[in-house]
Structure formats: structure tokens, C-alpha cells
């Protein structure tokens, strides 16, 4: 079943419509949302557990969260090195090298 979800502004105008082809109460969607909110769970780990890539996770979050919650999540995740395994490992190595030189 395909559901059309309108997005409204404060004035009541529809800004855009997003199609939602997944059930909100689907346990896998709930798991993806929970994993995406966790700081220490990388997108690579989410892909391994659920099969959803980073882009897919973003789509799920956009479709199933309120717009303000989605913006808060994106702000939180944007630039967070712990959500990307390679960036996190690189930062840990860099910090351990700095500790050895001091």
C-alpha cells in the first residue's frame, strides 16, 4: 500500500508530498530508527544488520519522523565521526599518535 503524506507549513500550505511505501509499525523500521539515533552505531553496522545503506536510512528517517525530529537528527548526525567507521578509526589513530608525542 502506498500512502501519500503531505508536508504542511505553519500557514497550512502543502510544501511537498512524500510517498511512504513502508508500514510505520514495521519492526525493521523501528530497529533502523533506534540504531540511527544511537551515537555509537555506525552506518556500516546498520547496513550489516538491516541491509539499509546510509542513504536508505536517511530516507526512512525522513519518512517516519516528524519534520522537526528529522532536522534534529540530521543536525546531530552531521559531522559526527562516530557514525562513520572509517572516520572514527582515523580519528582514534590520530589521537593516539598525538598522545604518544606528548
N, C-alpha and C. Protein backbone atom coordinates (compact mmCIF):
# COMPACT_ATOMS: atom_id res chain seq x y z
N UNK A 1 0.84 -1.17 0.00
CA UNK A 1 0.00 0.00 0.00
C UNK A 1 0.89 1.24 0.00
N UNK A 2 0.57 2.18 -0.82
CA UNK A 2 1.32 3.43 -0.90
C UNK A 2 0.50 4.54 -0.28
N UNK A 3 1.13 5.29 0.59
CA UNK A 3 0.46 6.35 1.32
C UNK A 3 1.13 7.66 0.97
N UNK A 4 0.35 8.67 0.68
CA UNK A 4 0.89 9.98 0.34
C UNK A 4 0.80 10.87 1.57
N UNK A 5 1.95 11.32 2.05
CA UNK A 5 1.99 12.14 3.25
C UNK A 5 2.31 13.59 2.87
N UNK A 6 1.37 14.51 3.04
CA UNK A 6 1.66 15.91 2.72
C UNK A 6 2.48 16.56 3.82
N UNK A 7 3.30 17.51 3.45
CA UNK A 7 4.06 18.30 4.41
C UNK A 7 3.47 19.70 4.41
N UNK A 8 3.08 20.20 5.57
CA UNK A 8 2.41 21.48 5.68
C UNK A 8 3.33 22.52 6.34
N UNK A 9 3.18 23.76 5.94
CA UNK A 9 3.84 24.85 6.63
C UNK A 9 2.91 25.36 7.71
N UNK A 10 3.36 26.32 8.49
CA UNK A 10 2.50 26.86 9.54
C UNK A 10 1.27 27.54 8.98
N UNK A 11 1.37 28.06 7.77
CA UNK A 11 0.22 28.72 7.17
C UNK A 11 -0.78 27.70 6.61
N UNK A 12 -0.39 26.41 6.63
CA UNK A 12 -1.30 25.38 6.16
C UNK A 12 -1.08 24.98 4.71
N UNK A 13 -0.13 25.63 4.03
CA UNK A 13 0.13 25.27 2.64
C UNK A 13 0.94 23.99 2.56
N UNK A 14 0.68 23.18 1.54
CA UNK A 14 1.43 21.95 1.33
C UNK A 14 2.72 22.31 0.61
N UNK A 15 3.86 21.94 1.21
CA UNK A 15 5.15 22.24 0.61
C UNK A 15 5.53 21.17 -0.40
N UNK A 16 5.41 19.92 0.01
CA UNK A 16 5.73 18.80 -0.88
C UNK A 16 5.04 17.56 -0.35
N UNK A 17 4.98 16.56 -1.15
CA UNK A 17 4.40 15.30 -0.71
C UNK A 17 5.48 14.23 -0.76
N UNK A 18 5.48 13.36 0.23
CA UNK A 18 6.44 12.27 0.31
C UNK A 18 5.68 10.97 0.25
N UNK A 19 6.07 10.07 -0.64
CA UNK A 19 5.40 8.78 -0.69
C UNK A 19 6.04 7.87 0.34
N UNK A 20 5.22 7.13 1.00
CA UNK A 20 5.66 6.23 2.06
C UNK A 20 5.17 4.83 1.72
N UNK A 21 6.06 3.94 1.33
CA UNK A 21 5.66 2.60 0.94
C UNK A 21 5.96 1.57 2.04
N UNK A 22 6.34 2.03 3.25
CA UNK A 22 6.62 1.14 4.36
C UNK A 22 5.63 1.39 5.49
N UNK A 23 5.29 0.34 6.22
CA UNK A 23 4.40 0.49 7.36
C UNK A 23 5.18 1.10 8.51
N UNK A 24 4.56 2.03 9.22
CA UNK A 24 5.21 2.70 10.34
C UNK A 24 5.50 1.72 11.47
N UNK A 25 4.62 0.76 11.71
CA UNK A 25 4.82 -0.16 12.82
C UNK A 25 5.68 -1.37 12.45
N UNK A 26 6.29 -1.35 11.30
CA UNK A 26 7.16 -2.43 10.86
C UNK A 26 8.35 -2.53 11.82
N UNK A 27 8.60 -3.70 12.42
CA UNK A 27 9.69 -3.84 13.39
C UNK A 27 11.06 -3.47 12.83
N UNK A 28 11.29 -3.74 11.54
CA UNK A 28 12.59 -3.40 10.95
C UNK A 28 12.76 -1.88 10.88
N UNK A 29 11.70 -1.15 10.56
CA UNK A 29 11.76 0.31 10.52
C UNK A 29 12.06 0.84 11.92
N UNK A 30 11.40 0.29 12.93
CA UNK A 30 11.67 0.70 14.31
C UNK A 30 13.12 0.44 14.69
N UNK A 31 13.66 -0.70 14.26
CA UNK A 31 15.05 -1.03 14.55
C UNK A 31 15.99 -0.04 13.86
N UNK A 32 15.72 0.30 12.61
CA UNK A 32 16.55 1.25 11.87
C UNK A 32 16.54 2.61 12.57
N UNK A 33 15.38 3.07 12.98
CA UNK A 33 15.27 4.36 13.65
C UNK A 33 16.04 4.33 14.97
N UNK A 34 15.91 3.25 15.74
CA UNK A 34 16.63 3.13 17.01
C UNK A 34 18.14 3.14 16.80
N UNK A 35 18.60 2.37 15.82
CA UNK A 35 20.04 2.32 15.53
C UNK A 35 20.56 3.65 15.03
N UNK A 36 19.76 4.34 14.22
CA UNK A 36 20.19 5.63 13.67
C UNK A 36 20.33 6.68 14.77
N UNK A 37 19.51 6.63 15.80
CA UNK A 37 19.60 7.59 16.90
C UNK A 37 20.78 7.30 17.82
N UNK A 38 21.26 6.06 17.85
CA UNK A 38 22.39 5.71 18.72
C UNK A 38 23.68 6.33 18.19
N UNK A 39 24.42 6.99 19.07
CA UNK A 39 25.64 7.66 18.65
C UNK A 39 26.74 6.70 18.22
N UNK A 40 26.87 5.59 18.91
CA UNK A 40 27.99 4.68 18.65
C UNK A 40 27.71 3.62 17.59
N UNK A 41 26.53 3.59 17.03
CA UNK A 41 26.21 2.63 15.98
C UNK A 41 26.47 3.30 14.63
N UNK A 42 27.45 2.77 13.91
CA UNK A 42 27.83 3.37 12.63
C UNK A 42 26.84 2.99 11.53
N UNK A 43 26.87 3.76 10.45
CA UNK A 43 26.03 3.43 9.30
C UNK A 43 26.44 2.09 8.70
N UNK A 44 27.72 1.75 8.79
CA UNK A 44 28.18 0.46 8.30
C UNK A 44 27.56 -0.68 9.10
N UNK A 45 27.46 -0.50 10.42
CA UNK A 45 26.83 -1.51 11.28
C UNK A 45 25.33 -1.62 10.98
N UNK A 46 24.69 -0.49 10.73
CA UNK A 46 23.26 -0.51 10.37
C UNK A 46 23.07 -1.28 9.06
N UNK A 47 23.97 -1.05 8.10
CA UNK A 47 23.89 -1.75 6.81
C UNK A 47 24.08 -3.26 7.01
N UNK A 48 25.03 -3.63 7.88
CA UNK A 48 25.28 -5.04 8.13
C UNK A 48 24.08 -5.71 8.80
N UNK A 49 23.44 -5.02 9.74
CA UNK A 49 22.31 -5.60 10.48
C UNK A 49 21.01 -5.61 9.69
N UNK A 50 20.76 -4.54 8.90
CA UNK A 50 19.45 -4.39 8.26
C UNK A 50 19.48 -4.44 6.74
N UNK A 51 20.65 -4.18 6.14
CA UNK A 51 20.73 -4.13 4.69
C UNK A 51 20.45 -2.75 4.12
N UNK A 52 20.20 -1.76 4.98
CA UNK A 52 19.90 -0.40 4.54
C UNK A 52 21.18 0.44 4.53
N UNK A 53 21.46 1.08 3.40
CA UNK A 53 22.62 1.96 3.29
C UNK A 53 22.36 3.27 4.02
N UNK A 54 23.38 4.12 4.10
CA UNK A 54 23.21 5.42 4.75
C UNK A 54 22.10 6.23 4.08
N UNK A 55 22.07 6.24 2.76
CA UNK A 55 21.03 6.98 2.03
C UNK A 55 19.64 6.41 2.34
N UNK A 56 19.54 5.08 2.44
CA UNK A 56 18.26 4.45 2.77
C UNK A 56 17.82 4.81 4.19
N UNK A 57 18.79 4.85 5.11
CA UNK A 57 18.48 5.21 6.50
C UNK A 57 17.94 6.64 6.55
N UNK A 58 18.57 7.54 5.81
CA UNK A 58 18.11 8.93 5.77
C UNK A 58 16.69 9.00 5.23
N UNK A 59 16.39 8.22 4.19
CA UNK A 59 15.03 8.20 3.64
C UNK A 59 14.02 7.69 4.66
N UNK A 60 14.39 6.62 5.36
CA UNK A 60 13.50 6.06 6.39
C UNK A 60 13.24 7.11 7.46
N UNK A 61 14.31 7.75 7.92
CA UNK A 61 14.17 8.76 8.98
C UNK A 61 13.30 9.91 8.49
N UNK A 62 13.50 10.35 7.26
CA UNK A 62 12.72 11.45 6.71
C UNK A 62 11.24 11.08 6.62
N UNK A 63 10.96 9.84 6.25
CA UNK A 63 9.57 9.41 6.06
C UNK A 63 8.83 9.13 7.36
N UNK A 64 9.56 8.68 8.39
CA UNK A 64 8.89 8.20 9.58
C UNK A 64 9.04 9.07 10.81
N UNK A 65 9.80 10.13 10.71
CA UNK A 65 9.91 11.08 11.82
C UNK A 65 9.15 12.35 11.49
N UNK A 66 8.77 13.07 12.52
CA UNK A 66 8.21 14.39 12.30
C UNK A 66 9.31 15.26 11.69
N UNK A 67 8.95 16.27 10.89
CA UNK A 67 9.98 17.10 10.27
C UNK A 67 10.96 17.71 11.27
N UNK A 68 10.48 18.16 12.43
CA UNK A 68 11.39 18.75 13.41
C UNK A 68 12.32 17.69 14.00
N UNK A 69 11.83 16.48 14.20
CA UNK A 69 12.67 15.40 14.71
C UNK A 69 13.72 15.00 13.68
N UNK A 70 13.32 14.96 12.42
CA UNK A 70 14.28 14.64 11.37
C UNK A 70 15.38 15.69 11.31
N UNK A 71 15.02 16.97 11.37
CA UNK A 71 16.03 18.03 11.34
C UNK A 71 16.97 17.92 12.53
N UNK A 72 16.43 17.63 13.70
CA UNK A 72 17.25 17.48 14.90
C UNK A 72 18.22 16.30 14.74
N UNK A 73 17.73 15.19 14.19
CA UNK A 73 18.58 14.02 13.97
C UNK A 73 19.68 14.33 12.97
N UNK A 74 19.33 14.98 11.86
CA UNK A 74 20.34 15.31 10.83
C UNK A 74 21.39 16.24 11.40
N UNK A 75 20.98 17.22 12.19
CA UNK A 75 21.94 18.13 12.81
C UNK A 75 22.87 17.36 13.74
N UNK A 76 22.30 16.43 14.47
CA UNK A 76 23.09 15.63 15.41
C UNK A 76 24.07 14.72 14.69
N UNK A 77 23.65 14.09 13.60
CA UNK A 77 24.48 13.12 12.88
C UNK A 77 25.50 13.81 11.98
N UNK A 78 25.15 14.96 11.46
CA UNK A 78 26.03 15.65 10.51
C UNK A 78 27.36 15.99 11.17
N UNK A 79 28.42 15.48 10.62
CA UNK A 79 29.75 15.75 11.13
C UNK A 79 30.17 14.89 12.30
N UNK A 80 29.31 14.00 12.77
CA UNK A 80 29.64 13.12 13.90
C UNK A 80 30.49 11.96 13.39
N UNK A 81 31.73 11.91 13.82
CA UNK A 81 32.64 10.89 13.29
C UNK A 81 32.27 9.49 13.73
N UNK A 82 31.55 9.34 14.83
CA UNK A 82 31.22 8.00 15.31
C UNK A 82 30.18 7.31 14.44
N UNK A 83 29.50 8.02 13.55
CA UNK A 83 28.52 7.39 12.68
C UNK A 83 29.17 6.80 11.43
N UNK A 84 30.45 7.07 11.23
CA UNK A 84 31.18 6.55 10.06
C UNK A 84 32.42 5.83 10.57
N UNK A 85 32.48 4.52 10.39
CA UNK A 85 33.56 3.71 10.95
C UNK A 85 34.93 4.19 10.51
N UNK A 86 35.13 4.46 9.22
CA UNK A 86 36.45 4.86 8.74
C UNK A 86 36.89 6.19 9.35
N UNK A 87 35.96 7.15 9.43
CA UNK A 87 36.30 8.44 10.02
C UNK A 87 36.61 8.28 11.51
N UNK A 88 35.86 7.41 12.18
CA UNK A 88 36.07 7.20 13.61
C UNK A 88 37.43 6.55 13.86
N UNK A 89 37.76 5.50 13.10
CA UNK A 89 39.04 4.82 13.27
C UNK A 89 40.20 5.76 12.97
N UNK A 90 40.05 6.58 11.94
CA UNK A 90 41.09 7.54 11.58
C UNK A 90 41.31 8.54 12.71
N UNK A 91 40.22 9.02 13.32
CA UNK A 91 40.33 9.98 14.42
C UNK A 91 40.96 9.34 15.65
N UNK A 92 40.60 8.10 15.94
CA UNK A 92 41.18 7.40 17.08
C UNK A 92 42.68 7.22 16.88
N UNK A 93 43.09 6.84 15.67
CA UNK A 93 44.52 6.68 15.37
C UNK A 93 45.25 8.01 15.50
N UNK A 94 44.64 9.08 15.01
CA UNK A 94 45.27 10.39 15.07
C UNK A 94 45.45 10.82 16.53
N UNK A 95 44.44 10.60 17.34
CA UNK A 95 44.53 11.00 18.76
C UNK A 95 45.55 10.15 19.51
N UNK A 96 45.64 8.85 19.16
CA UNK A 96 46.62 8.02 19.86
C UNK A 96 48.04 8.42 19.46
N UNK A 97 48.24 8.84 18.21
CA UNK A 97 49.54 9.34 17.78
C UNK A 97 49.90 10.62 18.51
N UNK A 98 48.91 11.50 18.72
CA UNK A 98 49.15 12.74 19.46
C UNK A 98 49.52 12.46 20.91
N UNK A 99 48.90 11.45 21.51
CA UNK A 99 49.21 11.09 22.89
C UNK A 99 50.62 10.59 23.04
N UNK A 100 51.10 9.86 22.03
CA UNK A 100 52.45 9.31 22.08
C UNK A 100 53.51 10.40 21.95
N UNK A 101 53.21 11.48 21.25
CA UNK A 101 54.19 12.54 21.04
C UNK A 101 54.26 13.50 22.24
N UNK A 102 53.29 13.45 23.11
CA UNK A 102 53.27 14.38 24.26
C UNK A 102 53.85 13.75 25.46
